[in-house]
Every structure is written in C-alpha cells, then in structure tokens.
Amino acid sequence: MERTISQKRPWLAALLGALVTGFGHLYLRRWRRAVGWLAVLFAVSYVFVEPAAIEALAAGEPVDPLSVAPTLLVGGASVVDAYVIARAQNALARTENATEATRNTGEGTKDVAGETTDSCPNCGKEVDPELDFCHWCTADLSGGLEVDSGDAASERSGR
C-alpha cells in the first residue's frame, strides 16, 4: 500500500494560529513547535506586559493596544511561522510524492489519466511536453535553463 504525504492548507494553519497561538502548528502536527510558541507567548506576557493590562483584558475591559503589543507580535509571528511551515511542508510533500511516482513508473510522473507528464527543471511544476518553455516560470525547456527576463521581452517588442 502506497503512503502519500498529506498536504495541509496554509491559510487554515494561519487562521487557526490567529485564533489561538499554537493552534496552526497543532493542525500541522508540529506538537513541540506549538508548545514552544505557547511558552514564548507566556514568557513575553510575563516579562513585558503589565499584570494590570492582563487582568483588564481577562475582565473584558478596554485595554491600550500598546500595553499588550508584545503578545500581539508573538501571536503574529506564530501565524506567519505556521503559514510558512505549511507551504514548506506542501512543497516537500509534492516533491516526495513526485519522486515516489517516478520511482514506481520508471519514467516521468504520471497524472490522473495515466499520461506521462514532464516537470520544469527550474521551478518543478508540471509543464506541457509540447511547449518549449515552462508556462509557470518561462524557463526555456528546449536547450537550457534560460529564464525569460524583462530585457528579453523588451528585445522582442523592438525597444
């Protein structure tokens, strides 16, 4: 039985992390990282935030945003971290799944219809084998890895 690595939704990891610090990492099954972010949040709250501000926040009273800014910064950093980790985990999953598919077939990656597809050596995304360039990153696939830049586009237009 084949084991594939599941891909996670980065926006969902960020949303969960925004609701409660560390929840995005729990969604990604990064248990130690979630506990680490909670520990950092409590440490920053203990060291940098006045107890009166925390009590007022817990009581539902209005609080000066600058007095709780350190905890907001840690929460924001946790959200960004969860999003970046989810994107990196998805890229790794795509690479490992493509490698496993190539190993199983002995040739290029096969898509759902069973047809062999090629991937761009520059960006790694699936490309149309009939094209001489990658429609994702515009890398030249006919000879080398020349990436189309703005200068080349201006040369073609005659400027």
N, C-alpha and C. Protein backbone atom coordinates (compact mmCIF):
# COMPACT_ATOMS: atom_id res chain seq x y z
N MET A 1 0.84 -1.18 0.00
CA MET A 1 0.00 0.00 0.00
C MET A 1 0.88 1.24 0.00
N GLU A 2 0.57 2.17 -0.90
CA GLU A 2 1.37 3.39 -1.01
C GLU A 2 1.02 4.35 0.11
N ARG A 3 2.03 5.00 0.62
CA ARG A 3 1.82 6.00 1.65
C ARG A 3 2.18 7.35 1.06
N THR A 4 1.22 8.24 0.99
CA THR A 4 1.49 9.57 0.48
C THR A 4 1.46 10.56 1.64
N ILE A 5 2.22 11.59 1.48
CA ILE A 5 2.26 12.64 2.50
C ILE A 5 1.12 13.60 2.21
N SER A 6 0.30 13.85 3.23
CA SER A 6 -0.85 14.73 3.02
C SER A 6 -0.40 16.18 2.98
N GLN A 7 -1.12 16.94 2.19
CA GLN A 7 -0.83 18.37 2.11
C GLN A 7 -1.82 19.12 2.99
N LYS A 8 -1.34 20.17 3.61
CA LYS A 8 -2.15 20.99 4.50
C LYS A 8 -2.46 22.32 3.84
N ARG A 9 -3.50 22.95 4.29
CA ARG A 9 -3.90 24.26 3.76
C ARG A 9 -3.20 25.35 4.57
N PRO A 10 -2.29 26.11 3.94
CA PRO A 10 -1.57 27.16 4.68
C PRO A 10 -2.49 28.23 5.26
N TRP A 11 -3.53 28.60 4.52
CA TRP A 11 -4.44 29.64 5.02
C TRP A 11 -5.18 29.16 6.26
N LEU A 12 -5.49 27.86 6.34
CA LEU A 12 -6.17 27.32 7.52
C LEU A 12 -5.23 27.29 8.71
N ALA A 13 -3.97 26.95 8.47
CA ALA A 13 -2.98 26.97 9.55
C ALA A 13 -2.82 28.39 10.09
N ALA A 14 -2.80 29.37 9.19
CA ALA A 14 -2.67 30.77 9.62
C ALA A 14 -3.92 31.22 10.38
N LEU A 15 -5.09 30.84 9.90
CA LEU A 15 -6.34 31.23 10.57
C LEU A 15 -6.42 30.63 11.97
N LEU A 16 -6.10 29.36 12.10
CA LEU A 16 -6.11 28.72 13.42
C LEU A 16 -5.08 29.35 14.34
N GLY A 17 -3.92 29.68 13.79
CA GLY A 17 -2.89 30.34 14.59
C GLY A 17 -3.30 31.74 15.02
N ALA A 18 -4.12 32.40 14.19
CA ALA A 18 -4.60 33.74 14.56
C ALA A 18 -5.65 33.65 15.66
N LEU A 19 -6.44 32.58 15.66
CA LEU A 19 -7.46 32.42 16.70
C LEU A 19 -6.82 32.16 18.06
N VAL A 20 -5.91 31.21 18.10
CA VAL A 20 -5.20 30.88 19.34
C VAL A 20 -3.75 30.55 18.97
N THR A 21 -2.82 31.17 19.63
CA THR A 21 -1.41 30.94 19.34
C THR A 21 -1.08 29.47 19.53
N GLY A 22 -0.51 28.88 18.48
CA GLY A 22 -0.10 27.48 18.53
C GLY A 22 -1.08 26.53 17.86
N PHE A 23 -2.33 26.93 17.63
CA PHE A 23 -3.32 26.04 17.01
C PHE A 23 -2.96 25.72 15.56
N GLY A 24 -2.37 26.67 14.86
CA GLY A 24 -1.94 26.42 13.49
C GLY A 24 -0.88 25.33 13.44
N HIS A 25 0.01 25.32 14.42
CA HIS A 25 1.06 24.31 14.48
C HIS A 25 0.48 22.96 14.89
N LEU A 26 -0.57 22.97 15.73
CA LEU A 26 -1.23 21.71 16.07
C LEU A 26 -1.89 21.11 14.84
N TYR A 27 -2.49 21.96 14.01
CA TYR A 27 -3.09 21.49 12.76
C TYR A 27 -2.03 20.85 11.85
N LEU A 28 -0.83 21.40 11.87
CA LEU A 28 0.26 20.87 11.06
C LEU A 28 0.97 19.68 11.72
N ARG A 29 0.51 19.32 12.91
CA ARG A 29 1.08 18.23 13.70
C ARG A 29 2.52 18.50 14.09
N ARG A 30 2.78 19.74 14.41
CA ARG A 30 4.10 20.16 14.92
C ARG A 30 3.91 20.45 16.41
N TRP A 31 3.83 19.39 17.20
CA TRP A 31 3.47 19.48 18.60
C TRP A 31 4.47 20.32 19.41
N ARG A 32 5.74 20.02 19.26
CA ARG A 32 6.75 20.75 20.04
C ARG A 32 6.79 22.23 19.67
N ARG A 33 6.59 22.51 18.39
CA ARG A 33 6.61 23.90 17.96
C ARG A 33 5.41 24.66 18.54
N ALA A 34 4.25 24.01 18.60
CA ALA A 34 3.06 24.63 19.19
C ALA A 34 3.30 24.93 20.67
N VAL A 35 3.86 23.97 21.39
CA VAL A 35 4.15 24.18 22.80
C VAL A 35 5.21 25.28 22.96
N GLY A 36 6.18 25.30 22.05
CA GLY A 36 7.20 26.34 22.09
C GLY A 36 6.62 27.74 21.91
N TRP A 37 5.69 27.90 20.95
CA TRP A 37 5.07 29.20 20.74
C TRP A 37 4.23 29.61 21.95
N LEU A 38 3.54 28.65 22.57
CA LEU A 38 2.79 28.99 23.79
C LEU A 38 3.73 29.40 24.91
N ALA A 39 4.85 28.71 25.04
CA ALA A 39 5.83 29.07 26.08
C ALA A 39 6.39 30.46 25.83
N VAL A 40 6.69 30.77 24.57
CA VAL A 40 7.20 32.12 24.24
C VAL A 40 6.13 33.17 24.55
N LEU A 41 4.88 32.87 24.22
CA LEU A 41 3.79 33.82 24.50
C LEU A 41 3.67 34.10 25.99
N PHE A 42 3.70 33.04 26.80
CA PHE A 42 3.58 33.25 28.24
C PHE A 42 4.81 33.96 28.80
N ALA A 43 6.00 33.65 28.30
CA ALA A 43 7.21 34.31 28.78
C ALA A 43 7.20 35.80 28.44
N VAL A 44 6.81 36.10 27.21
CA VAL A 44 6.76 37.51 26.80
C VAL A 44 5.68 38.26 27.59
N SER A 45 4.55 37.61 27.81
CA SER A 45 3.48 38.24 28.60
C SER A 45 3.95 38.50 30.02
N TYR A 46 4.66 37.56 30.60
CA TYR A 46 5.13 37.70 31.97
C TYR A 46 6.18 38.80 32.10
N VAL A 47 7.08 38.88 31.12
CA VAL A 47 8.20 39.81 31.23
C VAL A 47 7.82 41.22 30.77
N PHE A 48 7.08 41.34 29.66
CA PHE A 48 6.88 42.65 29.04
C PHE A 48 5.50 43.28 29.24
N VAL A 49 4.51 42.53 29.66
CA VAL A 49 3.15 43.08 29.79
C VAL A 49 2.82 43.25 31.27
N GLU A 50 2.25 44.41 31.59
CA GLU A 50 1.90 44.70 32.98
C GLU A 50 0.74 43.80 33.42
N PRO A 51 0.78 43.33 34.66
CA PRO A 51 -0.31 42.47 35.15
C PRO A 51 -1.68 43.15 35.11
N ALA A 52 -1.71 44.47 35.30
CA ALA A 52 -2.99 45.19 35.25
C ALA A 52 -3.61 45.10 33.86
N ALA A 53 -2.79 45.15 32.83
CA ALA A 53 -3.30 45.05 31.46
C ALA A 53 -3.85 43.66 31.19
N ILE A 54 -3.19 42.65 31.72
CA ILE A 54 -3.67 41.28 31.53
C ILE A 54 -4.98 41.07 32.27
N GLU A 55 -5.09 41.60 33.49
CA GLU A 55 -6.33 41.47 34.26
C GLU A 55 -7.47 42.21 33.58
N ALA A 56 -7.20 43.39 33.04
CA ALA A 56 -8.24 44.15 32.34
C ALA A 56 -8.68 43.42 31.08
N LEU A 57 -7.74 42.83 30.38
CA LEU A 57 -8.06 42.07 29.17
C LEU A 57 -8.90 40.84 29.51
N ALA A 58 -8.56 40.15 30.60
CA ALA A 58 -9.31 38.97 31.03
C ALA A 58 -10.71 39.34 31.49
N ALA A 59 -10.86 40.56 32.05
CA ALA A 59 -12.18 41.01 32.52
C ALA A 59 -13.03 41.55 31.38
N GLY A 60 -12.45 41.69 30.20
CA GLY A 60 -13.21 42.20 29.06
C GLY A 60 -13.27 43.71 28.99
N GLU A 61 -12.44 44.37 29.76
CA GLU A 61 -12.39 45.82 29.76
C GLU A 61 -11.48 46.30 28.63
N PRO A 62 -11.68 47.53 28.16
CA PRO A 62 -10.80 48.05 27.10
C PRO A 62 -9.36 48.19 27.60
N VAL A 63 -8.43 47.83 26.70
CA VAL A 63 -7.01 47.86 27.04
C VAL A 63 -6.27 48.64 25.96
N ASP A 64 -5.28 49.38 26.39
CA ASP A 64 -4.43 50.10 25.44
C ASP A 64 -3.66 49.07 24.60
N PRO A 65 -3.80 49.12 23.27
CA PRO A 65 -3.12 48.13 22.42
C PRO A 65 -1.60 48.12 22.59
N LEU A 66 -1.00 49.25 22.90
CA LEU A 66 0.45 49.29 23.09
C LEU A 66 0.89 48.52 24.33
N SER A 67 0.00 48.41 25.32
CA SER A 67 0.39 47.69 26.54
C SER A 67 0.44 46.18 26.31
N VAL A 68 -0.29 45.67 25.32
CA VAL A 68 -0.27 44.23 25.02
C VAL A 68 0.41 43.95 23.67
N ALA A 69 1.10 44.94 23.12
CA ALA A 69 1.75 44.79 21.82
C ALA A 69 2.75 43.63 21.76
N PRO A 70 3.53 43.38 22.82
CA PRO A 70 4.47 42.25 22.73
C PRO A 70 3.76 40.91 22.50
N THR A 71 2.63 40.70 23.14
CA THR A 71 1.91 39.45 22.92
C THR A 71 1.30 39.39 21.52
N LEU A 72 0.88 40.54 21.02
CA LEU A 72 0.35 40.58 19.65
C LEU A 72 1.44 40.29 18.63
N LEU A 73 2.65 40.78 18.88
CA LEU A 73 3.77 40.49 17.98
C LEU A 73 4.13 39.00 17.98
N VAL A 74 4.12 38.39 19.15
CA VAL A 74 4.40 36.95 19.23
C VAL A 74 3.31 36.17 18.52
N GLY A 75 2.06 36.56 18.72
CA GLY A 75 0.95 35.89 18.03
C GLY A 75 1.05 36.03 16.52
N GLY A 76 1.41 37.22 16.06
CA GLY A 76 1.58 37.45 14.62
C GLY A 76 2.73 36.64 14.05
N ALA A 77 3.82 36.56 14.78
CA ALA A 77 4.96 35.76 14.33
C ALA A 77 4.60 34.28 14.26
N SER A 78 3.77 33.83 15.19
CA SER A 78 3.32 32.45 15.19
C SER A 78 2.45 32.16 13.96
N VAL A 79 1.59 33.11 13.59
CA VAL A 79 0.75 32.95 12.40
C VAL A 79 1.61 32.84 11.16
N VAL A 80 2.57 33.73 11.01
CA VAL A 80 3.46 33.71 9.85
C VAL A 80 4.25 32.40 9.83
N ASP A 81 4.74 31.97 10.98
CA ASP A 81 5.50 30.73 11.05
C ASP A 81 4.65 29.53 10.63
N ALA A 82 3.41 29.46 11.08
CA ALA A 82 2.53 28.35 10.70
C ALA A 82 2.28 28.35 9.20
N TYR A 83 2.08 29.53 8.62
CA TYR A 83 1.83 29.62 7.18
C TYR A 83 3.05 29.17 6.39
N VAL A 84 4.22 29.64 6.78
CA VAL A 84 5.46 29.29 6.07
C VAL A 84 5.75 27.80 6.20
N ILE A 85 5.55 27.23 7.37
CA ILE A 85 5.79 25.81 7.57
C ILE A 85 4.82 24.98 6.73
N ALA A 86 3.56 25.39 6.65
CA ALA A 86 2.59 24.66 5.83
C ALA A 86 2.99 24.69 4.36
N ARG A 87 3.45 25.84 3.88
CA ARG A 87 3.89 25.93 2.48
C ARG A 87 5.11 25.04 2.24
N ALA A 88 6.06 25.06 3.16
CA ALA A 88 7.26 24.24 3.01
C ALA A 88 6.92 22.75 3.09
N GLN A 89 6.02 22.40 3.99
CA GLN A 89 5.60 21.01 4.13
C GLN A 89 4.89 20.54 2.86
N ASN A 90 4.07 21.39 2.25
CA ASN A 90 3.39 21.04 1.00
C ASN A 90 4.39 20.87 -0.14
N ALA A 91 5.38 21.74 -0.21
CA ALA A 91 6.40 21.62 -1.27
C ALA A 91 7.17 20.31 -1.10
N LEU A 92 7.50 19.96 0.12
CA LEU A 92 8.20 18.71 0.39
C LEU A 92 7.32 17.51 0.03
N ALA A 93 6.03 17.60 0.36
CA ALA A 93 5.11 16.51 0.04
C ALA A 93 4.98 16.33 -1.46
N ARG A 94 4.89 17.44 -2.21
CA ARG A 94 4.80 17.34 -3.66
C ARG A 94 6.06 16.71 -4.24
N THR A 95 7.21 17.11 -3.73
CA THR A 95 8.48 16.56 -4.22
C THR A 95 8.58 15.06 -3.91
N GLU A 96 8.24 14.68 -2.69
CA GLU A 96 8.34 13.27 -2.31
C GLU A 96 7.31 12.42 -3.06
N ASN A 97 6.10 12.94 -3.24
CA ASN A 97 5.09 12.19 -3.97
C ASN A 97 5.48 12.04 -5.44
N ALA A 98 6.07 13.10 -6.03
CA ALA A 98 6.50 13.01 -7.42
C ALA A 98 7.68 12.04 -7.55
N THR A 99 8.58 12.06 -6.58
CA THR A 99 9.71 11.13 -6.60
C THR A 99 9.22 9.70 -6.48
N GLU A 100 8.24 9.47 -5.62
CA GLU A 100 7.68 8.12 -5.46
C GLU A 100 6.97 7.67 -6.73
N ALA A 101 6.25 8.58 -7.38
CA ALA A 101 5.56 8.22 -8.62
C ALA A 101 6.58 7.91 -9.72
N THR A 102 7.65 8.68 -9.78
CA THR A 102 8.69 8.43 -10.78
C THR A 102 9.38 7.10 -10.50
N ARG A 103 9.63 6.80 -9.25
CA ARG A 103 10.26 5.54 -8.88
C ARG A 103 9.36 4.37 -9.25
N ASN A 104 8.05 4.52 -9.06
CA ASN A 104 7.12 3.44 -9.35
C ASN A 104 6.96 3.20 -10.85
N THR A 105 7.00 4.26 -11.66
CA THR A 105 6.78 4.10 -13.09
C THR A 105 8.06 3.94 -13.87
N GLY A 106 9.18 4.40 -13.31
CA GLY A 106 10.45 4.30 -14.01
C GLY A 106 10.62 5.33 -15.09
N GLU A 107 9.72 6.27 -15.20
CA GLU A 107 9.81 7.32 -16.20
C GLU A 107 9.27 8.60 -15.59
N GLY A 108 8.72 9.50 -16.41
CA GLY A 108 8.19 10.75 -15.90
C GLY A 108 7.00 10.52 -14.98
N THR A 109 6.58 11.56 -14.32
CA THR A 109 5.43 11.47 -13.43
C THR A 109 4.17 11.21 -14.24
N LYS A 110 3.28 10.38 -13.70
CA LYS A 110 2.03 10.11 -14.39
C LYS A 110 0.91 10.88 -13.72
N ASP A 111 0.06 11.50 -14.55
CA ASP A 111 -1.06 12.22 -14.00
C ASP A 111 -2.23 11.28 -13.80
N VAL A 112 -3.40 11.82 -13.43
CA VAL A 112 -4.57 11.02 -13.10
C VAL A 112 -5.00 10.17 -14.29
N ALA A 113 -4.90 10.68 -15.50
CA ALA A 113 -5.32 9.94 -16.69
C ALA A 113 -4.31 8.88 -17.08
N GLY A 114 -3.15 8.82 -16.41
CA GLY A 114 -2.15 7.82 -16.71
C GLY A 114 -1.16 8.26 -17.77
N GLU A 115 -1.25 9.51 -18.23
CA GLU A 115 -0.33 10.01 -19.24
C GLU A 115 0.93 10.53 -18.56
N THR A 116 2.05 10.35 -19.22
CA THR A 116 3.31 10.82 -18.67
C THR A 116 3.40 12.33 -18.84
N THR A 117 3.79 13.00 -17.78
CA THR A 117 3.95 14.45 -17.82
C THR A 117 5.38 14.79 -17.42
N ASP A 118 5.85 15.94 -17.86
CA ASP A 118 7.18 16.41 -17.54
C ASP A 118 7.08 17.50 -16.49
N SER A 119 8.18 17.72 -15.79
CA SER A 119 8.22 18.82 -14.83
C SER A 119 9.37 19.74 -15.20
N CYS A 120 9.20 21.00 -14.88
CA CYS A 120 10.19 22.02 -15.19
C CYS A 120 11.41 21.83 -14.29
N PRO A 121 12.61 21.81 -14.84
CA PRO A 121 13.80 21.68 -14.00
C PRO A 121 14.10 22.94 -13.20
N ASN A 122 13.46 24.06 -13.56
CA ASN A 122 13.69 25.32 -12.87
C ASN A 122 12.78 25.48 -11.66
N CYS A 123 11.45 25.32 -11.88
CA CYS A 123 10.50 25.54 -10.78
C CYS A 123 9.89 24.25 -10.27
N GLY A 124 10.01 23.15 -11.02
CA GLY A 124 9.49 21.86 -10.57
C GLY A 124 8.03 21.62 -10.85
N LYS A 125 7.34 22.58 -11.43
CA LYS A 125 5.92 22.41 -11.71
C LYS A 125 5.71 21.64 -13.00
N GLU A 126 4.52 21.07 -13.13
CA GLU A 126 4.18 20.28 -14.30
C GLU A 126 4.06 21.18 -15.54
N VAL A 127 4.66 20.73 -16.64
CA VAL A 127 4.63 21.51 -17.88
C VAL A 127 4.04 20.67 -19.00
N ASP A 128 3.59 21.35 -20.03
CA ASP A 128 3.07 20.70 -21.23
C ASP A 128 4.26 20.23 -22.06
N PRO A 129 4.35 18.94 -22.38
CA PRO A 129 5.52 18.45 -23.12
C PRO A 129 5.60 19.00 -24.54
N GLU A 130 4.52 19.55 -25.06
CA GLU A 130 4.54 20.10 -26.41
C GLU A 130 5.12 21.51 -26.48
N LEU A 131 5.26 22.17 -25.33
CA LEU A 131 5.79 23.54 -25.30
C LEU A 131 7.30 23.52 -25.11
N ASP A 132 7.96 24.56 -25.62
CA ASP A 132 9.41 24.69 -25.46
C ASP A 132 9.78 25.56 -24.27
N PHE A 133 8.79 25.94 -23.47
CA PHE A 133 9.05 26.77 -22.30
C PHE A 133 8.07 26.38 -21.20
N CYS A 134 8.43 26.73 -19.97
CA CYS A 134 7.56 26.49 -18.82
C CYS A 134 6.57 27.64 -18.73
N HIS A 135 5.29 27.34 -18.74
CA HIS A 135 4.30 28.41 -18.67
C HIS A 135 4.14 28.96 -17.26
N TRP A 136 4.84 28.40 -16.30
CA TRP A 136 4.79 28.91 -14.92
C TRP A 136 5.91 29.92 -14.67
N CYS A 137 7.14 29.58 -15.06
CA CYS A 137 8.27 30.46 -14.77
C CYS A 137 8.98 30.95 -16.03
N THR A 138 8.50 30.59 -17.19
CA THR A 138 9.02 30.98 -18.51
C THR A 138 10.44 30.49 -18.78
N ALA A 139 10.87 29.42 -18.11
CA ALA A 139 12.19 28.86 -18.37
C ALA A 139 12.18 28.18 -19.74
N ASP A 140 13.27 28.33 -20.49
CA ASP A 140 13.40 27.71 -21.81
C ASP A 140 13.69 26.24 -21.63
N LEU A 141 12.83 25.37 -22.14
CA LEU A 141 12.98 23.94 -21.98
C LEU A 141 13.60 23.26 -23.20
N SER A 142 13.81 24.02 -24.27
CA SER A 142 14.33 23.41 -25.48
C SER A 142 15.83 23.12 -25.38
N GLY A 143 16.58 24.00 -24.70
CA GLY A 143 18.03 23.81 -24.65
C GLY A 143 18.58 23.87 -23.26
N GLY A 144 18.34 24.95 -22.57
CA GLY A 144 18.92 25.14 -21.25
C GLY A 144 17.90 25.71 -20.30
N LEU A 145 18.42 26.31 -19.25
CA LEU A 145 17.56 26.89 -18.24
C LEU A 145 17.61 28.41 -18.31
N GLU A 146 17.38 28.97 -19.45
CA GLU A 146 17.39 30.41 -19.58
C GLU A 146 16.01 30.93 -19.18
N VAL A 147 15.98 31.78 -18.17
CA VAL A 147 14.72 32.32 -17.70
C VAL A 147 14.45 33.61 -18.45
N ASP A 148 13.23 33.76 -18.96
CA ASP A 148 12.84 34.94 -19.70
C ASP A 148 12.77 36.13 -18.75
N SER A 149 13.53 37.16 -19.03
CA SER A 149 13.52 38.33 -18.17
C SER A 149 12.84 39.48 -18.89
N GLY A 150 12.70 40.58 -18.21
CA GLY A 150 12.07 41.74 -18.80
C GLY A 150 12.85 42.28 -19.98
N ASP A 151 14.21 42.11 -19.96
CA ASP A 151 15.03 42.59 -21.07
C ASP A 151 14.74 41.83 -22.34
N ALA A 152 14.55 40.51 -22.23
CA ALA A 152 14.26 39.71 -23.40
C ALA A 152 12.90 40.08 -23.98
N ALA A 153 11.95 40.40 -23.10
CA ALA A 153 10.62 40.79 -23.59
C ALA A 153 10.69 42.11 -24.31
N SER A 154 11.53 43.04 -23.83
CA SER A 154 11.64 44.32 -24.50
C SER A 154 12.39 44.19 -25.82
N GLU A 155 13.34 43.21 -25.93
CA GLU A 155 14.04 42.98 -27.19
C GLU A 155 13.08 42.46 -28.25
N ARG A 156 12.16 41.58 -27.84
CA ARG A 156 11.20 41.05 -28.79
C ARG A 156 10.24 42.11 -29.30
N SER A 157 9.91 43.07 -28.44
CA SER A 157 8.98 44.11 -28.86
C SER A 157 9.67 45.21 -29.65
N GLY A 158 11.01 45.16 -29.74
CA GLY A 158 11.76 46.12 -30.56
C GLY A 158 12.17 47.35 -29.81
N ARG A 159 12.14 47.32 -28.49
CA ARG A 159 12.53 48.51 -27.72
C ARG A 159 13.94 48.43 -27.26
